[in-house]
C-alpha atoms as a PDB file:
ATOM      1  CA  MET A   1       0.000   0.000   0.000  1.00  0.00           C
ATOM      2  CA  GLU A   2       2.855   2.355   0.824  1.00  0.00           C
ATOM      3  CA  LEU A   3       4.277   1.968  -2.684  1.00  0.00           C
ATOM      4  CA  LYS A   4       1.008   2.526  -4.556  1.00  0.00           C
ATOM      5  CA  GLY A   5       1.559   4.971  -7.385  1.00  0.00           C
ATOM      6  CA  SER A   6       5.353   4.853  -7.067  1.00  0.00           C
ATOM      7  CA  ASN A   7       5.844   2.446 -10.011  1.00  0.00           C
ATOM      8  CA  ILE A   8       7.688   0.120  -7.617  1.00  0.00           C
ATOM      9  CA  HIS A   9       6.306  -3.419  -7.642  1.00  0.00           C
ATOM     10  CA  LEU A  10       6.872  -6.109  -5.029  1.00  0.00           C
ATOM     11  CA  SER A  11       6.810  -9.810  -5.792  1.00  0.00           C
ATOM     12  CA  LEU A  12       7.096 -12.785  -3.488  1.00  0.00           C
ATOM     13  CA  ILE A  13       9.013 -15.746  -4.910  1.00  0.00           C
ATOM     14  CA  GLU A  14       7.804 -18.964  -3.254  1.00  0.00           C
ATOM     15  CA  PRO A  15      10.382 -21.565  -4.279  1.00  0.00           C
ATOM     16  CA  GLY A  16       9.520 -24.761  -2.427  1.00  0.00           C
ATOM     17  CA  PRO A  17      12.135 -27.542  -2.603  1.00  0.00           C
ATOM     18  CA  ILE A  18      15.207 -26.355  -4.555  1.00  0.00           C
ATOM     19  CA  SER A  19      18.437 -28.317  -4.889  1.00  0.00           C
ATOM     20  CA  SER A  20      21.380 -26.718  -3.097  1.00  0.00           C
ATOM     21  CA  ASP A  21      24.310 -27.483  -0.805  1.00  0.00           C
ATOM     22  CA  PHE A  22      22.276 -26.567   2.280  1.00  0.00           C
ATOM     23  CA  ARG A  23      22.332 -30.061   3.834  1.00  0.00           C
ATOM     24  CA  LYS A  24      26.057 -30.508   3.168  1.00  0.00           C
ATOM     25  CA  ASN A  25      26.841 -27.097   4.695  1.00  0.00           C
ATOM     26  CA  ALA A  26      24.488 -27.645   7.634  1.00  0.00           C
ATOM     27  CA  PHE A  27      26.083 -31.024   8.387  1.00  0.00           C
ATOM     28  CA  ALA A  28      29.586 -29.506   8.298  1.00  0.00           C
ATOM     29  CA  ALA A  29      28.524 -26.750  10.728  1.00  0.00           C
ATOM     30  CA  TYR A  30      26.795 -29.325  12.947  1.00  0.00           C
ATOM     31  CA  GLN A  31      29.919 -31.509  13.129  1.00  0.00           C
ATOM     32  CA  LYS A  32      32.057 -28.483  13.955  1.00  0.00           C
ATOM     33  CA  ASN A  33      29.818 -27.091  16.700  1.00  0.00           C
ATOM     34  CA  ILE A  34      27.805 -29.903  18.317  1.00  0.00           C
ATOM     35  CA  ASP A  35      29.036 -32.709  20.583  1.00  0.00           C
ATOM     36  CA  SER A  36      26.211 -35.120  19.817  1.00  0.00           C
ATOM     37  CA  ALA A  37      27.801 -38.122  21.567  1.00  0.00           C
ATOM     38  CA  ASN A  38      27.552 -36.423  24.977  1.00  0.00           C
ATOM     39  CA  SER A  39      24.249 -34.643  24.464  1.00  0.00           C
ATOM     40  CA  VAL A  40      20.897 -35.406  26.088  1.00  0.00           C
ATOM     41  CA  HIS A  41      19.512 -34.910  22.555  1.00  0.00           C
ATOM     42  CA  LYS A  42      21.652 -37.697  21.080  1.00  0.00           C
ATOM     43  CA  ASN A  43      18.702 -39.579  19.520  1.00  0.00           C
ATOM     44  CA  THR A  44      17.385 -36.417  17.898  1.00  0.00           C
ATOM     45  CA  TYR A  45      20.845 -35.659  16.533  1.00  0.00           C
ATOM     46  CA  LEU A  46      21.150 -39.184  15.085  1.00  0.00           C
ATOM     47  CA  ALA A  47      17.908 -38.705  13.160  1.00  0.00           C
ATOM     48  CA  MET A  48      19.099 -35.306  11.967  1.00  0.00           C
ATOM     49  CA  GLU A  49      22.428 -36.768  10.825  1.00  0.00           C
ATOM     50  CA  ALA A  50      20.610 -39.344   8.701  1.00  0.00           C
ATOM     51  CA  ARG A  51      18.480 -36.621   7.122  1.00  0.00           C
ATOM     52  CA  LEU A  52      21.431 -34.316   6.430  1.00  0.00           C
ATOM     53  CA  GLN A  53      23.527 -37.125   4.910  1.00  0.00           C
ATOM     54  CA  LYS A  54      20.755 -38.402   2.644  1.00  0.00           C
ATOM     55  CA  LYS A  55      21.799 -38.469  -1.009  1.00  0.00           C
ATOM     56  CA  GLY A  56      19.665 -36.955  -3.725  1.00  0.00           C
ATOM     57  CA  PRO A  57      16.820 -34.451  -3.421  1.00  0.00           C
ATOM     58  CA  ALA A  58      15.619 -33.589   0.074  1.00  0.00           C
ATOM     59  CA  ALA A  59      11.983 -33.690  -1.019  1.00  0.00           C
ATOM     60  CA  PRO A  60       9.867 -34.815  -3.967  1.00  0.00           C
ATOM     61  CA  PHE A  61       9.453 -32.306  -6.813  1.00  0.00           C
ATOM     62  CA  THR A  62      12.829 -30.674  -6.093  1.00  0.00           C
ATOM     63  CA  LEU A  63      13.934 -28.363  -8.913  1.00  0.00           C
ATOM     64  CA  PRO A  64      17.297 -26.756  -9.701  1.00  0.00           C
ATOM     65  CA  ALA A  65      18.029 -23.145  -8.745  1.00  0.00           C
ATOM     66  CA  ASP A  66      17.538 -22.130 -12.390  1.00  0.00           C
ATOM     67  CA  ALA A  67      13.793 -22.557 -11.872  1.00  0.00           C
ATOM     68  CA  VAL A  68      13.878 -19.742  -9.309  1.00  0.00           C
ATOM     69  CA  VAL A  69      16.037 -17.570 -11.561  1.00  0.00           C
ATOM     70  CA  GLU A  70      13.421 -17.837 -14.336  1.00  0.00           C
ATOM     71  CA  LYS A  71      10.722 -16.489 -12.009  1.00  0.00           C
ATOM     72  CA  VAL A  72      12.964 -13.678 -10.724  1.00  0.00           C
ATOM     73  CA  ILE A  73      13.816 -12.605 -14.273  1.00  0.00           C
ATOM     74  CA  HIS A  74      10.144 -12.656 -15.238  1.00  0.00           C
ATOM     75  CA  ALA A  75       9.225 -10.526 -12.224  1.00  0.00           C
ATOM     76  CA  MET A  76      12.000  -8.020 -12.937  1.00  0.00           C
ATOM     77  CA  GLN A  77      11.248  -7.679 -16.650  1.00  0.00           C
ATOM     78  CA  SER A  78       7.459  -7.558 -16.423  1.00  0.00           C
ATOM     79  CA  LYS A  79       5.658  -4.207 -16.583  1.00  0.00           C
ATOM     80  CA  ARG A  80       3.094  -5.596 -14.125  1.00  0.00           C
ATOM     81  CA  PRO A  81       4.703  -8.475 -12.219  1.00  0.00           C
ATOM     82  CA  LYS A  82       2.595 -10.916 -10.266  1.00  0.00           C
ATOM     83  CA  ILE A  83       2.393 -10.516  -6.511  1.00  0.00           C
ATOM     84  CA  ARG A  84       3.317 -14.195  -6.020  1.00  0.00           C
ATOM     85  CA  TYR A  85       5.431 -16.520  -8.109  1.00  0.00           C
ATOM     86  CA  TYR A  86       5.176 -20.200  -7.277  1.00  0.00           C
ATOM     87  CA  VAL A  87       8.140 -22.264  -8.491  1.00  0.00           C
ATOM     88  CA  THR A  88       7.654 -25.955  -7.657  1.00  0.00           C
ATOM     89  CA  PHE A  89       4.586 -28.180  -7.690  1.00  0.00           C
ATOM     90  CA  PRO A  90       4.199 -28.140  -3.870  1.00  0.00           C
ATOM     91  CA  THR A  91       4.037 -24.331  -3.840  1.00  0.00           C
ATOM     92  CA  TYR A  92       1.345 -24.316  -6.536  1.00  0.00           C
ATOM     93  CA  LEU A  93      -0.580 -27.034  -4.679  1.00  0.00           C
ATOM     94  CA  PHE A  94      -0.443 -25.381  -1.261  1.00  0.00           C
ATOM     95  CA  GLY A  95      -1.180 -21.971  -2.777  1.00  0.00           C
ATOM     96  CA  PHE A  96      -4.374 -23.490  -4.174  1.00  0.00           C
ATOM     97  CA  LEU A  97      -5.233 -25.353  -0.959  1.00  0.00           C
ATOM     98  CA  LYS A  98      -4.716 -22.168   1.053  1.00  0.00           C
ATOM     99  CA  ARG A  99      -7.492 -20.535  -0.962  1.00  0.00           C
ATOM    100  CA  ILE A 100     -10.030 -23.365  -0.642  1.00  0.00           C
ATOM    101  CA  LEU A 101      -9.456 -24.946   2.786  1.00  0.00           C
ATOM    102  CA  PRO A 102     -10.211 -23.584   6.249  1.00  0.00           C
ATOM    103  CA  ALA A 103      -7.016 -22.589   8.086  1.00  0.00           C
ATOM    104  CA  SER A 104      -7.351 -25.423  10.618  1.00  0.00           C
ATOM    105  CA  TRP A 105      -7.543 -28.031   7.828  1.00  0.00           C
ATOM    106  CA  LEU A 106      -4.524 -26.563   6.087  1.00  0.00           C
ATOM    107  CA  ASP A 107      -2.572 -26.523   9.370  1.00  0.00           C
ATOM    108  CA  TYR A 108      -3.448 -30.191   9.922  1.00  0.00           C
ATOM    109  CA  LEU A 109      -2.405 -31.089   6.382  1.00  0.00           C
ATOM    110  CA  LEU A 110       0.895 -29.209   6.715  1.00  0.00           C
ATOM    111  CA  GLY A 111       1.547 -31.029   9.988  1.00  0.00           C
ATOM    112  CA  GLN A 112       1.057 -34.378   8.244  1.00  0.00           C
ATOM    113  CA  VAL A 113       3.418 -33.487   5.380  1.00  0.00           C
ATOM    114  CA  GLN A 114       6.283 -32.590   7.698  1.00  0.00           C
END
């Protein structure tokens, strides 16, 4: 609202699962900073280690970073960019579900996915 009439447009890029080195970097930082063997949270850390060391995409429908770049370029070059740009299938799906489901149903569904 504050930018109305200023010819400045805002867009929200909602990427969803994108392939990156996040898990590799997070695991390296974890190993450097956490003494999991002597922690009361040892079991939680073991589960996290398995997740961070998993090979391949972290989630179904993972796309490369180029998919995000395409949306950013479109938003920057458009005379009237969209307010939201969904990138992966899950972001399109949950964007749709957010419009048709009551908030409590969506919260339940999101809890089941995680």
